[in-house]
Amino acid sequence: MDTPTPLLHSIPVARKLLGDVSHGHIYNLIRRGELELVKLGASSKITDRSINALVDRKVAEQRDRAA
C-alpha cells in the first residue's frame, strides 16, 4: 500500500527537502512569501505544495536564464 505524501512538513524536514538550507533561509523564504507557513497550535509547518512550487519556480528561472 502506498504511503500518502504529507501535506505539511516541520521546519527541519522542509530544510532537508530543500537540500539542507539554513534555518534562517527558510524563514527568509517564508517572509518573502515563497514558502507557506501554517500554524497548528504551537507548531509551525510548511506546506508541501509551497515547497514544490518553490522548486518548480527555481528550475524554471534557471531554464529561462540558460536559454
N, C-alpha and C. Protein backbone atom coordinates (compact mmCIF):
# COMPACT_ATOMS: atom_id res chain seq x y z
N MET A 1 0.84 -1.18 0.00
CA MET A 1 0.00 0.00 0.00
C MET A 1 0.89 1.25 0.00
N ASP A 2 0.54 2.23 -0.83
CA ASP A 2 1.32 3.46 -0.92
C ASP A 2 1.08 4.34 0.30
N THR A 3 2.17 4.94 0.79
CA THR A 3 2.06 5.89 1.88
C THR A 3 1.75 7.26 1.28
N PRO A 4 0.71 7.94 1.78
CA PRO A 4 0.39 9.26 1.21
C PRO A 4 1.48 10.28 1.52
N THR A 5 1.68 11.20 0.60
CA THR A 5 2.64 12.29 0.81
C THR A 5 2.06 13.24 1.84
N PRO A 6 2.85 13.60 2.85
CA PRO A 6 2.34 14.55 3.85
C PRO A 6 2.02 15.90 3.21
N LEU A 7 0.98 16.54 3.70
CA LEU A 7 0.60 17.86 3.21
C LEU A 7 1.42 18.97 3.87
N LEU A 8 1.91 18.68 5.07
CA LEU A 8 2.67 19.65 5.86
C LEU A 8 3.96 19.03 6.35
N HIS A 9 4.99 19.87 6.45
CA HIS A 9 6.30 19.41 6.92
C HIS A 9 6.80 20.35 8.02
N SER A 10 7.50 19.77 8.99
CA SER A 10 8.14 20.59 10.01
C SER A 10 9.27 21.41 9.35
N ILE A 11 9.73 22.43 10.04
CA ILE A 11 10.82 23.26 9.52
C ILE A 11 12.06 22.40 9.25
N PRO A 12 12.48 21.53 10.18
CA PRO A 12 13.66 20.70 9.90
C PRO A 12 13.48 19.80 8.67
N VAL A 13 12.30 19.25 8.48
CA VAL A 13 12.06 18.40 7.31
C VAL A 13 12.07 19.25 6.04
N ALA A 14 11.46 20.42 6.08
CA ALA A 14 11.47 21.32 4.92
C ALA A 14 12.90 21.69 4.56
N ARG A 15 13.74 21.95 5.55
CA ARG A 15 15.15 22.26 5.30
C ARG A 15 15.83 21.12 4.56
N LYS A 16 15.59 19.90 5.01
CA LYS A 16 16.18 18.72 4.36
C LYS A 16 15.66 18.56 2.94
N LEU A 17 14.35 18.74 2.75
CA LEU A 17 13.76 18.59 1.42
C LEU A 17 14.34 19.59 0.44
N LEU A 18 14.75 20.75 0.94
CA LEU A 18 15.32 21.79 0.09
C LEU A 18 16.85 21.75 0.06
N GLY A 19 17.42 20.63 0.43
CA GLY A 19 18.87 20.46 0.31
C GLY A 19 19.67 21.00 1.46
N ASP A 20 19.13 20.89 2.66
CA ASP A 20 19.82 21.34 3.88
C ASP A 20 20.10 22.83 3.90
N VAL A 21 19.13 23.63 3.43
CA VAL A 21 19.28 25.08 3.54
C VAL A 21 19.23 25.47 5.02
N SER A 22 19.72 26.64 5.33
CA SER A 22 19.79 27.07 6.73
C SER A 22 18.39 27.41 7.27
N HIS A 23 18.32 27.39 8.57
CA HIS A 23 17.08 27.75 9.27
C HIS A 23 16.68 29.17 8.91
N GLY A 24 17.65 30.07 8.88
CA GLY A 24 17.39 31.46 8.54
C GLY A 24 16.89 31.62 7.11
N HIS A 25 17.44 30.83 6.19
CA HIS A 25 17.00 30.91 4.80
C HIS A 25 15.53 30.49 4.67
N ILE A 26 15.14 29.46 5.41
CA ILE A 26 13.73 29.03 5.40
C ILE A 26 12.84 30.19 5.84
N TYR A 27 13.22 30.87 6.93
CA TYR A 27 12.39 31.98 7.41
C TYR A 27 12.41 33.17 6.45
N ASN A 28 13.51 33.39 5.75
CA ASN A 28 13.53 34.43 4.71
C ASN A 28 12.55 34.08 3.59
N LEU A 29 12.53 32.82 3.19
CA LEU A 29 11.59 32.38 2.14
C LEU A 29 10.15 32.56 2.60
N ILE A 30 9.89 32.31 3.87
CA ILE A 30 8.54 32.49 4.43
C ILE A 30 8.18 33.98 4.41
N ARG A 31 9.09 34.83 4.89
CA ARG A 31 8.84 36.28 4.92
C ARG A 31 8.57 36.84 3.52
N ARG A 32 9.29 36.33 2.52
CA ARG A 32 9.11 36.80 1.14
C ARG A 32 7.88 36.18 0.47
N GLY A 33 7.21 35.26 1.17
CA GLY A 33 6.02 34.64 0.61
C GLY A 33 6.30 33.49 -0.35
N GLU A 34 7.55 33.04 -0.37
CA GLU A 34 7.91 31.94 -1.27
C GLU A 34 7.59 30.58 -0.68
N LEU A 35 7.49 30.51 0.63
CA LEU A 35 7.03 29.30 1.32
C LEU A 35 5.84 29.67 2.18
N GLU A 36 4.90 28.76 2.26
CA GLU A 36 3.66 28.99 3.01
C GLU A 36 3.75 28.32 4.39
N LEU A 37 3.60 29.12 5.43
CA LEU A 37 3.67 28.65 6.80
C LEU A 37 2.26 28.49 7.36
N VAL A 38 2.02 27.34 8.00
CA VAL A 38 0.73 27.06 8.63
C VAL A 38 1.00 26.80 10.11
N LYS A 39 0.27 27.51 10.97
CA LYS A 39 0.41 27.30 12.42
C LYS A 39 -0.67 26.31 12.86
N LEU A 40 -0.25 25.27 13.54
CA LEU A 40 -1.15 24.29 14.14
C LEU A 40 -0.85 24.25 15.62
N GLY A 41 -1.65 24.96 16.39
CA GLY A 41 -1.36 25.08 17.81
C GLY A 41 -0.03 25.80 17.98
N ALA A 42 0.90 25.16 18.68
CA ALA A 42 2.21 25.77 18.91
C ALA A 42 3.22 25.43 17.82
N SER A 43 2.86 24.54 16.91
CA SER A 43 3.83 24.14 15.89
C SER A 43 3.61 24.87 14.58
N SER A 44 4.72 25.08 13.88
CA SER A 44 4.69 25.73 12.57
C SER A 44 5.06 24.69 11.52
N LYS A 45 4.29 24.66 10.46
CA LYS A 45 4.52 23.69 9.38
C LYS A 45 4.59 24.42 8.05
N ILE A 46 5.33 23.84 7.12
CA ILE A 46 5.44 24.36 5.76
C ILE A 46 4.62 23.45 4.86
N THR A 47 3.83 24.05 3.97
CA THR A 47 3.01 23.22 3.09
C THR A 47 3.88 22.55 2.04
N ASP A 48 3.55 21.30 1.75
CA ASP A 48 4.24 20.55 0.71
C ASP A 48 4.05 21.26 -0.64
N ARG A 49 2.86 21.78 -0.86
CA ARG A 49 2.54 22.49 -2.10
C ARG A 49 3.49 23.66 -2.32
N SER A 50 3.79 24.44 -1.26
CA SER A 50 4.67 25.60 -1.43
C SER A 50 6.12 25.18 -1.65
N ILE A 51 6.54 24.07 -1.07
CA ILE A 51 7.89 23.56 -1.31
C ILE A 51 8.03 23.17 -2.78
N ASN A 52 7.05 22.42 -3.29
CA ASN A 52 7.09 22.00 -4.69
C ASN A 52 7.03 23.20 -5.63
N ALA A 53 6.20 24.19 -5.30
CA ALA A 53 6.08 25.38 -6.14
C ALA A 53 7.39 26.16 -6.16
N LEU A 54 8.06 26.26 -5.01
CA LEU A 54 9.35 26.96 -4.95
C LEU A 54 10.37 26.27 -5.86
N VAL A 55 10.46 24.96 -5.75
CA VAL A 55 11.41 24.22 -6.59
C VAL A 55 11.06 24.40 -8.06
N ASP A 56 9.79 24.30 -8.41
CA ASP A 56 9.37 24.49 -9.81
C ASP A 56 9.76 25.88 -10.33
N ARG A 57 9.55 26.92 -9.49
CA ARG A 57 9.92 28.28 -9.90
C ARG A 57 11.42 28.42 -10.12
N LYS A 58 12.19 27.86 -9.20
CA LYS A 58 13.66 27.97 -9.30
C LYS A 58 14.17 27.23 -10.54
N VAL A 59 13.61 26.07 -10.83
CA VAL A 59 14.01 25.32 -12.03
C VAL A 59 13.66 26.12 -13.28
N ALA A 60 12.46 26.70 -13.32
CA ALA A 60 12.03 27.50 -14.47
C ALA A 60 12.93 28.72 -14.65
N GLU A 61 13.30 29.38 -13.53
CA GLU A 61 14.17 30.56 -13.60
C GLU A 61 15.53 30.18 -14.21
N GLN A 62 16.09 29.06 -13.76
CA GLN A 62 17.38 28.64 -14.27
C GLN A 62 17.29 28.24 -15.73
N ARG A 63 16.19 27.61 -16.11
CA ARG A 63 15.99 27.21 -17.51
C ARG A 63 15.89 28.46 -18.38
N ASP A 64 15.15 29.48 -17.90
CA ASP A 64 14.99 30.71 -18.67
C ASP A 64 16.32 31.45 -18.83
N ARG A 65 17.13 31.45 -17.77
CA ARG A 65 18.44 32.13 -17.84
C ARG A 65 19.38 31.42 -18.81
N ALA A 66 19.27 30.09 -18.88
CA ALA A 66 20.15 29.31 -19.76
C ALA A 66 19.75 29.44 -21.23
N ALA A 67 18.50 29.82 -21.48
CA ALA A 67 18.02 29.89 -22.88
C ALA A 67 18.44 31.15 -23.57
